[in-house]
Amino acid sequence: MEYNESPSMEQKRYVAAVCPEYRSRMAALSENVGQADEMVSCDGCIHWNNGRCVIFDEVLTGIDQT
């Protein structure tokens, strides 16, 4: 069985900030909620499914780490 380490909170926040597919759950539910008040993280994205996202690894590995 393959073990995959869970992404850190910092990784989820950074990936969400640069992800082209990020969509806030709160914004999807209500137009009255200001996104500035919300902490951007994969945890708050409509695509984050029980700790899994189709493009999370792609976005994370595509980040320039220089």
PDB file of N, CA and C in Angstrom:
ATOM      1  N   MET A   1       0.833  -1.180   0.000  1.00  0.00           N
ATOM      2  CA  MET A   1       0.000   0.000   0.000  1.00  0.00           C
ATOM      3  C   MET A   1       0.877   1.243   0.000  1.00  0.00           C
ATOM      4  N   GLU A   2       0.571   2.161  -0.862  1.00  0.00           N
ATOM      5  CA  GLU A   2       1.353   3.387  -0.988  1.00  0.00           C
ATOM      6  C   GLU A   2       0.915   4.399   0.065  1.00  0.00           C
ATOM      7  N   TYR A   3       1.893   5.044   0.713  1.00  0.00           N
ATOM      8  CA  TYR A   3       1.601   6.058   1.726  1.00  0.00           C
ATOM      9  C   TYR A   3       1.836   7.437   1.136  1.00  0.00           C
ATOM     10  N   ASN A   4       0.828   8.254   1.185  1.00  0.00           N
ATOM     11  CA  ASN A   4       0.946   9.633   0.718  1.00  0.00           C
ATOM     12  C   ASN A   4       0.811  10.558   1.907  1.00  0.00           C
ATOM     13  N   GLU A   5       1.820  11.388   2.123  1.00  0.00           N
ATOM     14  CA  GLU A   5       1.777  12.343   3.220  1.00  0.00           C
ATOM     15  C   GLU A   5       0.751  13.426   2.910  1.00  0.00           C
ATOM     16  N   SER A   6      -0.010  13.801   3.903  1.00  0.00           N
ATOM     17  CA  SER A   6      -1.001  14.857   3.725  1.00  0.00           C
ATOM     18  C   SER A   6      -0.293  16.184   3.494  1.00  0.00           C
ATOM     19  N   PRO A   7      -0.843  17.018   2.627  1.00  0.00           N
ATOM     20  CA  PRO A   7      -0.229  18.323   2.395  1.00  0.00           C
ATOM     21  C   PRO A   7      -0.337  19.197   3.639  1.00  0.00           C
ATOM     22  N   SER A   8       0.669  20.035   3.838  1.00  0.00           N
ATOM     23  CA  SER A   8       0.662  20.940   4.987  1.00  0.00           C
ATOM     24  C   SER A   8      -0.305  22.087   4.738  1.00  0.00           C
ATOM     25  N   MET A   9      -0.667  22.786   5.800  1.00  0.00           N
ATOM     26  CA  MET A   9      -1.556  23.942   5.690  1.00  0.00           C
ATOM     27  C   MET A   9      -0.913  25.009   4.800  1.00  0.00           C
ATOM     28  N   GLU A  10       0.404  25.190   4.921  1.00  0.00           N
ATOM     29  CA  GLU A  10       1.095  26.176   4.092  1.00  0.00           C
ATOM     30  C   GLU A  10       1.015  25.815   2.616  1.00  0.00           C
ATOM     31  N   GLN A  11       1.185  24.527   2.309  1.00  0.00           N
ATOM     32  CA  GLN A  11       1.081  24.077   0.921  1.00  0.00           C
ATOM     33  C   GLN A  11      -0.324  24.325   0.381  1.00  0.00           C
ATOM     34  N   LYS A  12      -1.336  23.995   1.176  1.00  0.00           N
ATOM     35  CA  LYS A  12      -2.720  24.172   0.728  1.00  0.00           C
ATOM     36  C   LYS A  12      -3.056  25.646   0.533  1.00  0.00           C
ATOM     37  N   ARG A  13      -2.528  26.508   1.377  1.00  0.00           N
ATOM     38  CA  ARG A  13      -2.791  27.940   1.234  1.00  0.00           C
ATOM     39  C   ARG A  13      -2.091  28.497  -0.006  1.00  0.00           C
ATOM     40  N   TYR A  14      -0.840  28.091  -0.227  1.00  0.00           N
ATOM     41  CA  TYR A  14      -0.105  28.614  -1.373  1.00  0.00           C
ATOM     42  C   TYR A  14      -0.675  28.088  -2.685  1.00  0.00           C
ATOM     43  N   VAL A  15      -0.965  26.802  -2.740  1.00  0.00           N
ATOM     44  CA  VAL A  15      -1.532  26.221  -3.960  1.00  0.00           C
ATOM     45  C   VAL A  15      -2.859  26.892  -4.287  1.00  0.00           C
ATOM     46  N   ALA A  16      -3.700  27.097  -3.288  1.00  0.00           N
ATOM     47  CA  ALA A  16      -4.993  27.758  -3.519  1.00  0.00           C
ATOM     48  C   ALA A  16      -4.803  29.169  -4.058  1.00  0.00           C
ATOM     49  N   ALA A  17      -3.772  29.860  -3.578  1.00  0.00           N
ATOM     50  CA  ALA A  17      -3.529  31.239  -4.007  1.00  0.00           C
ATOM     51  C   ALA A  17      -3.123  31.326  -5.475  1.00  0.00           C
ATOM     52  N   VAL A  18      -2.480  30.287  -6.003  1.00  0.00           N
ATOM     53  CA  VAL A  18      -2.004  30.332  -7.389  1.00  0.00           C
ATOM     54  C   VAL A  18      -2.781  29.406  -8.327  1.00  0.00           C
ATOM     55  N   CYS A  19      -3.692  28.620  -7.795  1.00  0.00           N
ATOM     56  CA  CYS A  19      -4.419  27.625  -8.592  1.00  0.00           C
ATOM     57  C   CYS A  19      -5.423  28.289  -9.537  1.00  0.00           C
ATOM     58  N   PRO A  20      -5.356  27.950 -10.825  1.00  0.00           N
ATOM     59  CA  PRO A  20      -6.299  28.535 -11.785  1.00  0.00           C
ATOM     60  C   PRO A  20      -7.724  28.003 -11.624  1.00  0.00           C
ATOM     61  N   GLU A  21      -7.891  26.890 -10.926  1.00  0.00           N
ATOM     62  CA  GLU A  21      -9.213  26.280 -10.753  1.00  0.00           C
ATOM     63  C   GLU A  21      -9.821  26.535  -9.379  1.00  0.00           C
ATOM     64  N   TYR A  22      -9.135  27.308  -8.521  1.00  0.00           N
ATOM     65  CA  TYR A  22      -9.654  27.550  -7.168  1.00  0.00           C
ATOM     66  C   TYR A  22     -11.002  28.251  -7.222  1.00  0.00           C
ATOM     67  N   ARG A  23     -11.954  27.708  -6.481  1.00  0.00           N
ATOM     68  CA  ARG A  23     -13.290  28.311  -6.366  1.00  0.00           C
ATOM     69  C   ARG A  23     -13.746  28.118  -4.929  1.00  0.00           C
ATOM     70  N   SER A  24     -13.942  29.208  -4.241  1.00  0.00           N
ATOM     71  CA  SER A  24     -14.329  29.184  -2.841  1.00  0.00           C
ATOM     72  C   SER A  24     -15.704  28.557  -2.650  1.00  0.00           C
ATOM     73  N   ARG A  25     -15.820  27.662  -1.678  1.00  0.00           N
ATOM     74  CA  ARG A  25     -17.123  27.084  -1.343  1.00  0.00           C
ATOM     75  C   ARG A  25     -18.080  28.168  -0.880  1.00  0.00           C
ATOM     76  N   MET A  26     -17.580  29.097  -0.075  1.00  0.00           N
ATOM     77  CA  MET A  26     -18.427  30.165   0.457  1.00  0.00           C
ATOM     78  C   MET A  26     -18.942  31.057  -0.668  1.00  0.00           C
ATOM     79  N   ALA A  27     -18.093  31.393  -1.619  1.00  0.00           N
ATOM     80  CA  ALA A  27     -18.521  32.228  -2.743  1.00  0.00           C
ATOM     81  C   ALA A  27     -19.524  31.482  -3.614  1.00  0.00           C
ATOM     82  N   ALA A  28     -19.353  30.181  -3.719  1.00  0.00           N
ATOM     83  CA  ALA A  28     -20.282  29.380  -4.517  1.00  0.00           C
ATOM     84  C   ALA A  28     -21.658  29.313  -3.858  1.00  0.00           C
ATOM     85  N   LEU A  29     -21.690  29.396  -2.536  1.00  0.00           N
ATOM     86  CA  LEU A  29     -22.954  29.309  -1.806  1.00  0.00           C
ATOM     87  C   LEU A  29     -23.655  30.650  -1.652  1.00  0.00           C
ATOM     88  N   SER A  30     -22.872  31.725  -1.626  1.00  0.00           N
ATOM     89  CA  SER A  30     -23.476  33.029  -1.362  1.00  0.00           C
ATOM     90  C   SER A  30     -22.699  34.136  -2.043  1.00  0.00           C
ATOM     91  N   GLU A  31     -23.406  35.005  -2.705  1.00  0.00           N
ATOM     92  CA  GLU A  31     -22.770  36.162  -3.330  1.00  0.00           C
ATOM     93  C   GLU A  31     -22.502  37.261  -2.303  1.00  0.00           C
ATOM     94  N   ASN A  32     -23.067  37.142  -1.098  1.00  0.00           N
ATOM     95  CA  ASN A  32     -22.927  38.162  -0.068  1.00  0.00           C
ATOM     96  C   ASN A  32     -21.657  38.021   0.760  1.00  0.00           C
ATOM     97  N   VAL A  33     -20.961  36.918   0.633  1.00  0.00           N
ATOM     98  CA  VAL A  33     -19.764  36.686   1.422  1.00  0.00           C
ATOM     99  C   VAL A  33     -18.566  37.278   0.694  1.00  0.00           C
ATOM    100  N   GLY A  34     -17.825  38.131   1.370  1.00  0.00           N
ATOM    101  CA  GLY A  34     -16.636  38.730   0.774  1.00  0.00           C
ATOM    102  C   GLY A  34     -15.463  37.780   0.845  1.00  0.00           C
ATOM    103  N   GLN A  35     -14.807  37.561  -0.272  1.00  0.00           N
ATOM    104  CA  GLN A  35     -13.671  36.649  -0.282  1.00  0.00           C
ATOM    105  C   GLN A  35     -12.483  37.216   0.475  1.00  0.00           C
ATOM    106  N   ALA A  36     -12.411  38.516   0.661  1.00  0.00           N
ATOM    107  CA  ALA A  36     -11.309  39.116   1.399  1.00  0.00           C
ATOM    108  C   ALA A  36     -11.330  38.670   2.858  1.00  0.00           C
ATOM    109  N   ASP A  37     -12.512  38.331   3.378  1.00  0.00           N
ATOM    110  CA  ASP A  37     -12.642  37.896   4.762  1.00  0.00           C
ATOM    111  C   ASP A  37     -12.285  36.424   4.945  1.00  0.00           C
ATOM    112  N   GLU A  38     -12.150  35.714   3.879  1.00  0.00           N
ATOM    113  CA  GLU A  38     -11.930  34.275   3.922  1.00  0.00           C
ATOM    114  C   GLU A  38     -10.455  33.958   3.704  1.00  0.00           C
ATOM    115  N   MET A  39      -9.918  33.012   4.501  1.00  0.00           N
ATOM    116  CA  MET A  39      -8.559  32.557   4.286  1.00  0.00           C
ATOM    117  C   MET A  39      -8.566  31.620   3.078  1.00  0.00           C
ATOM    118  N   VAL A  40      -7.772  31.916   2.085  1.00  0.00           N
ATOM    119  CA  VAL A  40      -7.707  31.092   0.881  1.00  0.00           C
ATOM    120  C   VAL A  40      -6.883  29.846   1.190  1.00  0.00           C
ATOM    121  N   SER A  41      -7.496  28.695   1.000  1.00  0.00           N
ATOM    122  CA  SER A  41      -6.843  27.411   1.231  1.00  0.00           C
ATOM    123  C   SER A  41      -7.589  26.354   0.424  1.00  0.00           C
ATOM    124  N   CYS A  42      -6.898  25.293   0.077  1.00  0.00           N
ATOM    125  CA  CYS A  42      -7.556  24.190  -0.623  1.00  0.00           C
ATOM    126  C   CYS A  42      -8.722  23.639   0.188  1.00  0.00           C
ATOM    127  N   ASP A  43      -8.635  23.740   1.516  1.00  0.00           N
ATOM    128  CA  ASP A  43      -9.723  23.253   2.364  1.00  0.00           C
ATOM    129  C   ASP A  43     -11.036  23.963   2.070  1.00  0.00           C
ATOM    130  N   GLY A  44     -10.978  25.190   1.567  1.00  0.00           N
ATOM    131  CA  GLY A  44     -12.184  25.955   1.283  1.00  0.00           C
ATOM    132  C   GLY A  44     -12.609  25.920  -0.173  1.00  0.00           C
ATOM    133  N   CYS A  45     -11.963  25.089  -0.973  1.00  0.00           N
ATOM    134  CA  CYS A  45     -12.242  25.024  -2.411  1.00  0.00           C
ATOM    135  C   CYS A  45     -13.295  23.960  -2.724  1.00  0.00           C
ATOM    136  N   ILE A  46     -14.148  24.256  -3.684  1.00  0.00           N
ATOM    137  CA  ILE A  46     -15.182  23.291  -4.070  1.00  0.00           C
ATOM    138  C   ILE A  46     -14.588  22.029  -4.695  1.00  0.00           C
ATOM    139  N   HIS A  47     -13.345  22.086  -5.164  1.00  0.00           N
ATOM    140  CA  HIS A  47     -12.709  20.931  -5.798  1.00  0.00           C
ATOM    141  C   HIS A  47     -11.972  20.035  -4.804  1.00  0.00           C
ATOM    142  N   TRP A  48     -11.816  20.491  -3.560  1.00  0.00           N
ATOM    143  CA  TRP A  48     -11.102  19.719  -2.536  1.00  0.00           C
ATOM    144  C   TRP A  48     -12.058  18.671  -1.994  1.00  0.00           C
ATOM    145  N   ASN A  49     -11.832  17.430  -2.337  1.00  0.00           N
ATOM    146  CA  ASN A  49     -12.749  16.338  -2.018  1.00  0.00           C
ATOM    147  C   ASN A  49     -12.099  15.391  -1.012  1.00  0.00           C
ATOM    148  N   ASN A  50     -12.402  15.580   0.264  1.00  0.00           N
ATOM    149  CA  ASN A  50     -11.838  14.731   1.324  1.00  0.00           C
ATOM    150  C   ASN A  50     -10.315  14.646   1.250  1.00  0.00           C
ATOM    151  N   GLY A  51      -9.682  15.781   1.046  1.00  0.00           N
ATOM    152  CA  GLY A  51      -8.226  15.813   1.004  1.00  0.00           C
ATOM    153  C   GLY A  51      -7.636  15.438  -0.331  1.00  0.00           C
ATOM    154  N   ARG A  52      -8.465  15.349  -1.351  1.00  0.00           N
ATOM    155  CA  ARG A  52      -7.974  15.002  -2.681  1.00  0.00           C
ATOM    156  C   ARG A  52      -8.390  16.056  -3.689  1.00  0.00           C
ATOM    157  N   CYS A  53      -7.485  16.378  -4.586  1.00  0.00           N
ATOM    158  CA  CYS A  53      -7.764  17.310  -5.673  1.00  0.00           C
ATOM    159  C   CYS A  53      -7.024  16.811  -6.909  1.00  0.00           C
ATOM    160  N   VAL A  54      -7.687  16.844  -8.027  1.00  0.00           N
ATOM    161  CA  VAL A  54      -7.114  16.312  -9.261  1.00  0.00           C
ATOM    162  C   VAL A  54      -5.833  17.049  -9.660  1.00  0.00           C
ATOM    163  N   ILE A  55      -5.791  18.369  -9.459  1.00  0.00           N
ATOM    164  CA  ILE A  55      -4.635  19.128  -9.944  1.00  0.00           C
ATOM    165  C   ILE A  55      -3.721  19.641  -8.839  1.00  0.00           C
ATOM    166  N   PHE A  56      -3.950  19.277  -7.581  1.00  0.00           N
ATOM    167  CA  PHE A  56      -3.121  19.773  -6.476  1.00  0.00           C
ATOM    168  C   PHE A  56      -1.640  19.506  -6.722  1.00  0.00           C
ATOM    169  N   ASP A  57      -1.277  18.249  -6.992  1.00  0.00           N
ATOM    170  CA  ASP A  57       0.131  17.899  -7.199  1.00  0.00           C
ATOM    171  C   ASP A  57       0.719  18.626  -8.397  1.00  0.00           C
ATOM    172  N   GLU A  58      -0.067  18.760  -9.449  1.00  0.00           N
ATOM    173  CA  GLU A  58       0.395  19.461 -10.652  1.00  0.00           C
ATOM    174  C   GLU A  58       0.706  20.923 -10.342  1.00  0.00           C
ATOM    175  N   VAL A  59      -0.188  21.579  -9.615  1.00  0.00           N
ATOM    176  CA  VAL A  59       0.022  22.983  -9.259  1.00  0.00           C
ATOM    177  C   VAL A  59       1.204  23.104  -8.305  1.00  0.00           C
ATOM    178  N   LEU A  60       1.289  22.224  -7.303  1.00  0.00           N
ATOM    179  CA  LEU A  60       2.369  22.278  -6.323  1.00  0.00           C
ATOM    180  C   LEU A  60       3.725  22.075  -6.978  1.00  0.00           C
ATOM    181  N   THR A  61       3.844  21.107  -7.881  1.00  0.00           N
ATOM    182  CA  THR A  61       5.131  20.857  -8.529  1.00  0.00           C
ATOM    183  C   THR A  61       5.460  21.916  -9.570  1.00  0.00           C
ATOM    184  N   GLY A  62       4.456  22.653 -10.033  1.00  0.00           N
ATOM    185  CA  GLY A  62       4.686  23.708 -11.012  1.00  0.00           C
ATOM    186  C   GLY A  62       5.127  25.025 -10.408  1.00  0.00           C
ATOM    187  N   ILE A  63       5.131  25.110  -9.071  1.00  0.00           N
ATOM    188  CA  ILE A  63       5.536  26.339  -8.395  1.00  0.00           C
ATOM    189  C   ILE A  63       7.043  26.496  -8.512  1.00  0.00           C
ATOM    190  N   ASP A  64       7.476  27.662  -8.930  1.00  0.00           N
ATOM    191  CA  ASP A  64       8.904  27.956  -9.047  1.00  0.00           C
ATOM    192  C   ASP A  64       9.502  28.044  -7.651  1.00  0.00           C
ATOM    193  N   GLN A  65      10.421  27.148  -7.337  1.00  0.00           N
ATOM    194  CA  GLN A  65      11.002  27.098  -5.996  1.00  0.00           C
ATOM    195  C   GLN A  65      12.419  27.648  -5.958  1.00  0.00           C
ATOM    196  N   THR A  66      12.719  28.579  -6.845  1.00  0.00           N
ATOM    197  CA  THR A  66      14.067  29.154  -6.855  1.00  0.00           C
ATOM    198  C   THR A  66      14.169  30.316  -5.921  1.00  0.00           C
TER     199      THR A  66
END
